[in-house]
Protein backbone atom coordinates (compact mmCIF):
# COMPACT_ATOMS: atom_id res chain seq x y z
CA MET A 1 1.39 -34.80 83.62
CA LYS A 2 3.69 -33.31 86.72
CA PRO A 3 5.52 -35.76 88.92
CA THR A 4 3.97 -34.86 91.78
CA ILE A 5 0.26 -35.70 90.39
CA ALA A 6 1.19 -38.40 88.90
CA ILE A 7 3.04 -40.22 92.21
CA SER A 8 -0.69 -39.12 93.78
CA PHE A 9 -2.30 -41.39 91.27
CA LEU A 10 0.10 -44.26 92.09
CA ILE A 11 -0.25 -43.90 95.81
CA ILE A 12 -4.49 -44.05 95.59
CA PHE A 13 -3.78 -46.92 93.50
CA VAL A 14 -1.95 -48.83 95.41
CA LEU A 15 -3.91 -48.12 98.85
CA CYS A 16 -6.89 -49.20 96.92
CA SER A 17 -5.29 -52.57 95.50
CA CYS A 18 -4.11 -52.99 98.82
CA GLN A 19 -7.25 -52.62 100.87
CA LYS A 20 -9.48 -54.88 97.66
CA ASN A 21 -6.95 -57.67 98.44
CA ASN A 22 -7.73 -57.06 102.47
CA ASP A 23 -11.38 -57.51 101.61
CA ARG A 24 -10.68 -60.61 99.57
CA GLN A 25 -8.64 -61.69 102.65
CA LEU A 26 -11.48 -61.10 104.89
CA ASN A 27 -14.19 -62.42 102.77
CA LYS A 28 -12.02 -65.80 103.59
CA ASP A 29 -11.41 -65.40 106.63
CA ILE A 30 -14.97 -64.73 107.95
CA LEU A 31 -16.67 -67.82 107.03
CA GLY A 32 -17.74 -69.91 109.28
CA GLU A 33 -20.02 -69.38 113.03
CA TRP A 34 -18.97 -66.65 115.26
CA SER A 35 -20.53 -65.62 118.73
CA TYR A 36 -20.20 -62.56 120.32
CA LEU A 37 -17.61 -62.87 123.35
CA LYS A 38 -17.07 -59.81 124.95
CA ILE A 39 -16.02 -55.74 124.91
CA GLU A 40 -12.21 -54.68 125.32
CA ASN A 41 -11.46 -51.32 126.44
CA GLN A 42 -7.60 -50.67 125.46
CA ASN A 43 -8.10 -47.68 127.37
CA LYS A 44 -6.79 -48.66 130.68
CA THR A 45 -6.21 -45.08 131.95
CA THR A 46 -10.09 -44.56 132.16
CA LEU A 47 -13.04 -46.13 133.78
CA GLU A 48 -15.28 -45.76 130.71
CA PRO A 49 -18.74 -47.93 130.96
CA PRO A 50 -20.00 -51.03 129.54
CA ILE A 51 -20.40 -50.59 125.51
CA PRO A 52 -23.21 -53.16 123.67
CA PRO A 53 -21.64 -55.02 121.23
CA PRO A 54 -21.97 -53.21 117.30
CA PRO A 55 -25.06 -52.58 115.69
CA SER A 56 -24.70 -55.36 113.34
CA PHE A 57 -24.09 -58.17 115.77
CA ASP A 58 -27.63 -56.66 117.74
CA GLY A 59 -30.09 -58.12 119.14
CA ASN A 60 -30.63 -59.92 122.57
CA ILE A 61 -28.42 -63.06 121.99
CA LYS A 62 -25.19 -62.07 119.40
CA GLY A 63 -24.54 -64.94 116.72
CA HIS A 64 -23.98 -65.12 113.23
CA VAL A 65 -23.02 -67.62 110.33
CA PHE A 66 -21.22 -66.42 107.41
CA LEU A 67 -21.93 -68.65 104.32
CA GLU A 68 -20.07 -68.47 100.77
CA ASN A 69 -22.41 -65.95 98.29
CA ASN A 70 -22.36 -63.27 100.83
CA ILE A 71 -25.16 -65.43 102.97
CA CYS A 72 -25.18 -64.13 106.80
CA GLU A 73 -27.52 -66.12 109.13
CA ASN A 74 -28.15 -63.99 112.08
CA LYS A 75 -29.19 -66.56 114.77
CA SER A 76 -31.53 -64.23 116.36
CA GLY A 77 -33.59 -63.67 113.58
CA TYR A 78 -35.31 -60.64 112.58
CA PHE A 79 -39.04 -59.39 113.42
CA LYS A 80 -41.30 -57.29 112.87
CA ARG A 81 -44.96 -56.27 114.50
CA ILE A 82 -47.89 -56.04 112.34
CA GLY A 83 -51.56 -54.42 114.13
CA GLY A 84 -53.55 -51.97 115.45
CA HIS A 85 -53.03 -49.62 118.68
CA GLU A 86 -54.76 -52.11 120.81
CA ILE A 87 -52.66 -54.82 122.58
CA LYS A 88 -54.71 -57.72 121.47
CA ASP A 89 -54.35 -56.86 117.39
CA MET A 90 -50.76 -56.91 117.55
CA THR A 91 -48.75 -59.98 115.54
CA GLU A 92 -45.53 -60.82 115.71
CA ILE A 93 -44.17 -61.95 112.61
CA PHE A 94 -40.60 -63.67 111.94
CA LEU A 95 -38.78 -62.40 109.14
CA GLY A 96 -36.12 -65.48 109.15
CA THR A 97 -32.62 -66.15 110.03
CA LYS A 98 -30.72 -65.60 106.76
CA THR A 99 -29.59 -62.45 105.24
CA LYS A 100 -27.05 -60.72 103.29
CA TYR A 101 -23.71 -59.59 103.87
CA LYS A 102 -20.69 -57.60 102.50
CA ILE A 103 -17.53 -56.60 103.04
CA GLU A 104 -16.54 -53.54 101.52
CA ASP A 105 -12.87 -50.77 102.39
CA GLU A 106 -12.57 -53.55 105.49
CA SER A 107 -15.71 -53.10 106.89
CA LEU A 108 -18.40 -55.38 107.60
CA LYS A 109 -21.64 -54.57 106.60
CA ILE A 110 -24.92 -56.43 106.72
CA LEU A 111 -28.74 -56.30 105.89
CA ASP A 112 -31.42 -55.80 108.60
CA LEU A 113 -34.39 -57.56 106.86
CA SER A 114 -36.48 -55.38 109.84
CA SER A 115 -35.82 -52.24 108.67
CA ARG A 116 -33.97 -53.03 104.75
CA ALA A 117 -30.74 -50.83 106.08
CA TRP A 118 -27.38 -51.92 105.83
CA GLU A 119 -25.84 -52.28 109.54
CA ASP A 120 -21.67 -51.43 108.75
CA GLN A 121 -19.03 -51.72 111.65
CA LYS A 122 -15.09 -51.87 110.97
CA ILE A 123 -13.51 -55.10 110.86
CA HIS A 124 -10.32 -54.65 113.13
CA SER A 125 -8.78 -58.09 112.71
CA ILE A 126 -9.70 -61.77 112.16
CA ILE A 127 -6.88 -63.71 113.35
CA GLY A 128 -7.26 -67.37 113.87
CA ASP A 129 -10.63 -67.88 115.92
CA THR A 130 -10.69 -64.15 117.13
CA LEU A 131 -13.04 -62.01 115.18
CA THR A 132 -12.45 -57.98 116.37
CA ILE A 133 -14.75 -55.30 115.40
CA LYS A 134 -13.51 -51.91 116.30
CA ILE A 135 -16.30 -49.43 117.85
CA SER A 136 -13.59 -46.62 118.74
CA ASP A 137 -10.49 -45.84 118.65
CA LYS A 138 -10.24 -47.83 122.09
CA ILE A 139 -12.82 -49.89 122.13
CA PHE A 140 -13.18 -52.90 120.43
CA ALA A 141 -15.77 -55.97 120.45
CA LYS A 142 -14.35 -59.41 120.75
CA TYR A 143 -16.71 -62.60 118.74
CA THR A 144 -15.14 -66.16 118.97
CA ARG A 145 -15.48 -68.62 115.95
CA VAL A 146 -18.02 -71.51 117.26
CA LYS A 147 -16.96 -75.16 116.99
CA TYR A 148 -19.28 -77.86 117.83
CA LYS A 149 -19.01 -81.67 119.17
CA ILE A 150 -22.21 -83.41 117.98
CA ASN A 151 -23.49 -86.37 118.94
CA SER A 152 -24.86 -88.01 115.31
CA ASN A 153 -26.56 -90.73 117.92
CA GLU A 154 -28.33 -88.35 119.72
CA ASP A 155 -31.91 -88.36 117.86
CA TYR A 156 -35.18 -87.20 119.14
CA ASP A 157 -38.55 -89.22 117.07
CA LYS A 158 -40.47 -85.53 118.10
CA ILE A 159 -39.70 -82.34 119.88
CA ILE A 160 -42.07 -80.03 121.13
CA ILE A 161 -42.01 -75.96 121.65
CA SER A 162 -44.41 -73.76 123.62
CA SER A 163 -45.01 -70.20 124.83
CA SER A 164 -46.65 -69.08 127.14
CA GLY A 165 -47.60 -65.30 126.60
CA CYS A 166 -46.34 -62.25 129.14
CA TYR A 167 -47.93 -59.05 129.93
CA GLY A 168 -48.43 -57.63 126.39
CA SER A 169 -48.53 -58.82 123.40
CA CYS A 170 -45.76 -61.78 123.26
CA PRO A 171 -47.28 -64.73 121.26
CA ILE A 172 -48.97 -67.72 122.35
CA SER A 173 -48.52 -71.29 120.86
CA ASN A 174 -47.55 -74.69 120.71
CA ILE A 175 -45.93 -76.77 118.05
CA SER A 176 -44.75 -80.30 117.56
CA ILE A 177 -42.66 -81.84 114.61
CA ASP A 178 -41.49 -85.59 114.65
CA ASN A 179 -38.60 -87.22 112.98
CA ASN A 180 -41.35 -87.64 109.57
CA GLY A 181 -41.94 -84.07 109.88
CA ASN A 182 -45.45 -84.05 110.77
CA ILE A 183 -46.45 -80.90 112.46
CA PHE A 184 -49.27 -79.93 114.79
CA TYR A 185 -49.80 -76.67 115.47
CA TYR A 186 -52.07 -74.64 117.82
CA GLY A 187 -51.77 -70.77 117.96
CA GLN A 188 -54.11 -69.56 120.75
CA HIS A 189 -53.24 -65.48 121.06
CA PHE A 190 -50.85 -63.12 119.22
CA ASN A 191 -50.34 -65.18 116.60
CA SER A 192 -50.98 -64.43 112.49
CA LYS A 193 -52.31 -67.63 112.42
CA ASN A 194 -54.91 -69.29 115.77
CA GLY A 195 -56.25 -72.56 115.77
CA PHE A 196 -55.45 -76.17 115.26
CA PHE A 197 -53.53 -77.24 112.46
CA LYS A 198 -51.45 -79.64 110.47
CA SER A 199 -48.73 -79.64 108.26
CA ASN A 200 -45.31 -80.58 107.24
CA ILE A 201 -41.72 -80.77 106.79
CA THR A 202 -39.34 -82.74 104.93
CA LYS A 203 -36.96 -85.09 107.19
CA GLY A 204 -34.05 -83.46 106.14
CA GLU A 205 -35.50 -80.03 107.91
CA TYR A 206 -36.09 -81.85 110.85
CA GLN A 207 -32.75 -82.32 111.23
CA THR A 208 -31.64 -79.71 110.58
CA LEU A 209 -33.88 -78.38 113.03
CA GLN A 210 -32.84 -81.29 115.38
CA THR A 211 -29.17 -80.37 115.01
CA ASN A 212 -29.58 -76.71 115.98
CA PHE A 213 -30.73 -78.24 119.22
CA LYS A 214 -27.48 -80.75 119.51
CA LYS A 215 -25.32 -77.91 119.60
CA ALA A 216 -26.84 -76.96 122.43
CA ASP A 217 -25.30 -80.32 123.81
CA ILE A 218 -28.96 -80.73 125.38
CA LYS A 219 -28.30 -83.22 128.05
CA ARG A 220 -26.29 -81.41 129.76
CA LEU A 221 -28.80 -78.19 129.87
CA GLU A 222 -30.35 -77.29 133.22
CA ASP A 223 -34.82 -78.60 133.44
CA HIS A 224 -35.65 -74.61 134.62
CA TYR A 225 -34.06 -71.22 133.81
CA GLU A 226 -35.77 -67.71 135.23
CA SER A 227 -34.47 -64.48 134.59
CA GLY A 228 -35.22 -62.10 137.53
CA TRP A 229 -37.54 -59.31 136.02
CA THR A 230 -41.22 -60.45 136.11
CA ASP A 231 -43.86 -60.49 133.71
CA ASP A 232 -41.69 -61.92 130.80
CA GLU A 233 -42.91 -65.24 128.63
CA THR A 234 -41.93 -68.69 129.34
CA ILE A 235 -40.58 -70.85 126.35
CA THR A 236 -40.54 -74.62 127.13
CA VAL A 237 -39.21 -77.54 124.86
CA THR A 238 -39.41 -80.82 125.35
CA PHE A 239 -37.89 -83.71 123.71
CA ILE A 240 -39.75 -86.78 123.07
CA LYS A 241 -38.06 -90.91 122.33
CA ASN A 242 -39.61 -93.69 122.05
CA ASN A 243 -42.46 -92.29 123.41
CA ARG A 244 -41.50 -91.22 126.72
CA ILE A 245 -40.38 -87.61 127.54
CA VAL A 246 -36.57 -87.62 127.38
CA LYS A 247 -35.75 -83.73 128.52
CA SER A 248 -38.00 -80.83 129.68
CA ILE A 249 -36.82 -77.65 129.76
CA SER A 250 -38.63 -74.00 130.52
CA ASP A 251 -36.84 -71.14 129.63
CA TYR A 252 -38.30 -68.10 131.44
CA GLY A 253 -37.27 -64.69 130.07
CA ARG A 254 -34.93 -65.83 127.91
CA ASP A 255 -32.39 -66.80 130.29
CA SER A 256 -31.18 -70.22 128.73
CA PRO A 257 -27.69 -70.58 126.82
CA PRO A 258 -27.67 -68.85 123.12
CA LEU A 259 -27.29 -71.97 121.84
CA LEU A 260 -30.45 -73.02 123.12
CA ILE A 261 -32.11 -69.69 122.33
CA TRP A 262 -31.19 -69.75 118.87
CA ALA A 263 -32.43 -72.98 117.97
CA TYR A 264 -35.95 -73.11 119.65
CA THR A 265 -36.72 -69.26 117.76
CA PRO A 266 -37.41 -70.51 114.07
CA VAL A 267 -39.05 -73.53 115.53
CA ARG A 268 -41.95 -71.44 117.33
CA TYR A 269 -42.38 -69.73 114.32
CA LEU A 270 -42.05 -72.26 111.73
CA TYR A 271 -46.12 -72.17 111.24
CA GLN A 272 -45.72 -68.55 109.34
CA GLN A 273 -43.10 -70.52 106.87
CA ILE A 274 -45.41 -73.35 105.76
CA LYS A 275 -48.36 -74.20 104.61
CA LEU A 276 -51.14 -74.96 107.01
CA VAL A 277 -54.17 -77.08 106.82
CA PRO A 278 -56.86 -76.44 109.49
CA LEU A 279 -58.35 -79.07 111.78
CA LYS A 280 -61.69 -79.79 112.98
CA ILE A 281 -61.24 -81.09 117.07
CA LYS A 282 -64.67 -82.17 118.51
CA LYS A 283 -62.81 -84.06 120.87
CA PRO A 284 -62.75 -82.50 124.32
CA LEU A 285 -59.97 -80.36 124.73
CA LEU A 286 -57.88 -79.89 128.35
CA SER A 287 -56.49 -76.17 129.27
CA ILE A 288 -53.32 -76.14 127.30
CA ARG A 289 -51.93 -73.31 129.17
CA SER A 290 -51.43 -75.04 132.38
CA ILE A 291 -52.11 -79.20 133.02
CA SER A 292 -51.94 -80.42 136.51
CA PHE A 293 -52.69 -83.81 138.30
CA ASN A 294 -54.29 -83.63 141.75
CA LYS A 295 -54.05 -86.49 144.02
CA GLY A 296 -55.79 -85.50 147.59
CA ASN A 297 -53.56 -82.85 149.06
CA GLN A 298 -50.66 -83.57 146.29
CA ILE A 299 -50.36 -81.92 143.08
CA PHE A 300 -47.78 -81.75 139.74
CA ASP A 301 -48.10 -79.48 137.43
CA LEU A 302 -46.43 -80.52 133.45
CA LYS A 303 -44.66 -77.83 131.41
CA LYS A 304 -46.77 -76.30 128.59
CA SER A 305 -44.77 -78.43 126.07
CA GLU A 306 -45.41 -81.86 128.16
CA SER A 307 -49.18 -80.71 128.31
CA PHE A 308 -49.27 -80.61 124.24
CA TYR A 309 -47.41 -84.05 124.12
CA LEU A 310 -50.14 -85.40 126.54
CA LEU A 311 -53.39 -83.14 124.38
CA PRO A 312 -52.63 -85.42 120.87
CA GLU A 313 -52.48 -88.79 122.81
CA ILE A 314 -55.99 -88.23 124.23
CA LEU A 315 -57.48 -86.46 120.94
CA LYS A 316 -56.35 -89.57 118.88
CA GLY A 317 -57.11 -92.12 121.72
CA LYS A 318 -59.89 -94.46 121.62
CA GLU A 319 -63.15 -94.45 123.43
CA THR A 320 -63.93 -97.25 125.42
CA ALA A 321 -66.56 -98.74 127.94
CA TYR A 322 -63.71 -99.18 130.54
CA LYS A 323 -64.58 -97.99 133.85
CA CYS A 324 -61.80 -95.75 134.27
CA GLU A 325 -60.36 -95.55 138.45
CA ASN A 326 -60.61 -91.84 139.62
CA ARG A 327 -56.79 -92.08 140.91
CA TYR A 328 -56.28 -88.13 139.56
CA GLN A 329 -58.23 -85.46 138.83
CA ILE A 330 -57.14 -82.79 135.96
CA GLU A 331 -59.52 -79.46 136.82
CA PHE A 332 -59.39 -77.26 133.97
CA TRP A 333 -61.72 -73.84 132.39
CA ASN A 334 -63.74 -74.79 129.54
CA GLU A 335 -64.86 -72.14 126.59
CA GLU A 336 -67.49 -71.08 128.65
CA ASP A 337 -64.83 -70.54 131.70
CA LYS A 338 -66.51 -73.21 133.48
CA LYS A 339 -64.46 -75.29 135.39
CA GLU A 340 -64.14 -79.18 134.45
CA ILE A 341 -62.75 -82.73 135.76
CA ILE A 342 -61.23 -85.21 134.05
CA ASN A 343 -60.90 -88.30 136.20
CA THR A 344 -57.40 -90.84 135.12
CA ASP A 345 -55.46 -93.16 136.36
CA GLY A 346 -52.97 -92.23 133.52
CA ARG A 347 -54.06 -94.15 130.59
CA TYR A 348 -58.05 -93.89 130.55
CA PHE A 349 -59.08 -90.26 130.59
CA LYS A 350 -62.71 -89.74 131.64
CA PHE A 351 -64.07 -86.69 130.81
CA ARG A 352 -67.80 -86.47 131.94
CA ASP A 353 -69.79 -89.84 130.21
CA ARG A 354 -66.80 -90.82 127.90
CA VAL A 355 -63.54 -92.40 128.71
CA ILE A 356 -60.71 -92.11 126.24
CA ASP A 357 -58.09 -95.35 125.88
CA ILE A 358 -54.69 -93.82 125.22
CA GLY A 359 -53.08 -97.12 125.14
CA TYR A 360 -50.67 -96.71 128.19
CA ASN A 361 -50.25 -95.02 131.01
CA PHE A 362 -48.84 -91.85 130.45
CA LEU A 363 -47.78 -91.07 134.39
CA ALA A 364 -46.06 -94.14 134.35
CA VAL A 365 -44.15 -94.32 131.13
CA ASN A 366 -43.14 -90.65 131.66
CA ASN A 367 -41.97 -91.36 135.41
CA LEU A 368 -44.44 -88.34 136.58
CA THR A 369 -45.62 -89.65 139.87
CA ALA A 370 -42.01 -88.65 141.45
CA ARG A 371 -43.04 -85.05 140.62
CA PHE A 372 -45.74 -84.63 143.13
CA ARG A 373 -45.74 -82.29 145.67
CA GLN A 374 -47.66 -80.76 148.46
CA LYS A 375 -49.71 -78.45 147.43
CA ASN A 376 -49.62 -74.86 148.61
CA LYS A 377 -51.62 -71.59 148.60
CA TYR A 378 -51.08 -70.91 144.93
CA ASP A 379 -52.36 -73.93 143.77
CA ARG A 380 -55.98 -73.86 142.69
């Protein structure tokens, strides 16, 4: 063998060995949870337009957890749509958040569960808590390692999530989960399962879901988030502790902090991952889309998830002969699109000739009377 050929093989061998060593180190350094930070343009002589994050971290909200055994969690999750050409026939299927990843030749490759393709991005460096992805010679995407301070005493007895739907085929659904793992689900439109169902998960699984919300620092979140566009969906989340509403958050157009979105997304689609038992409910139902309490020229609206908290309370209430004081009225549309009224004093709910006792004053316990306001032209 000529010396030049031998030297060439030696160089190739050394380069391959170095690259494998680098890959092994990157596999160690990348472990943990990462969140998209910014795009960095190092070419200061030109003004280039904003560049989106690399495809392997694409989605509305960017965040990944890299685990041992090449398991990766995409916090945004993966989806696919099924159904016909008509909007009414479309359904969104949640494929989950966990997928596979690998590091080869200093490139990060993540399996997209929707397309079944490997998204590939070059790792420029992992230094401490900063991951840098190379997009081009001068353009880099920065990610930061996420660390949390979780209050172990911040526990909730029940978490409720509702979605409003949108101008399109956004799912309209409601799900509540208590700390024993009991699930009550009501799918209305554009879901793979519609109707009333019950199910359950383990207490450990509930704790995992709850921890995801606690990472978002619930008590510091605003009560309302709203994007600047129209025709989008609203997600509402309600937290219950000691049989009272601790906090309710509404998020229109996914404008809330990423950590909250990462927490509620898997929960709203949880019904697709578990065994559902159909429920036959014969008692009168309120309109889940909007529950408002009227008192003369005053009104206040429950958030949709708060409505889904009140609904089971009425369903499990006891029928009584007590004469209910007609202090407040709840107007709703029945299945025949006819307007009906429920009279209530907060504890007793009178529907037609029946009075249901839920055992406590819903308005007083949750301090809801403070939310009354003057009616305006948009109130029904």
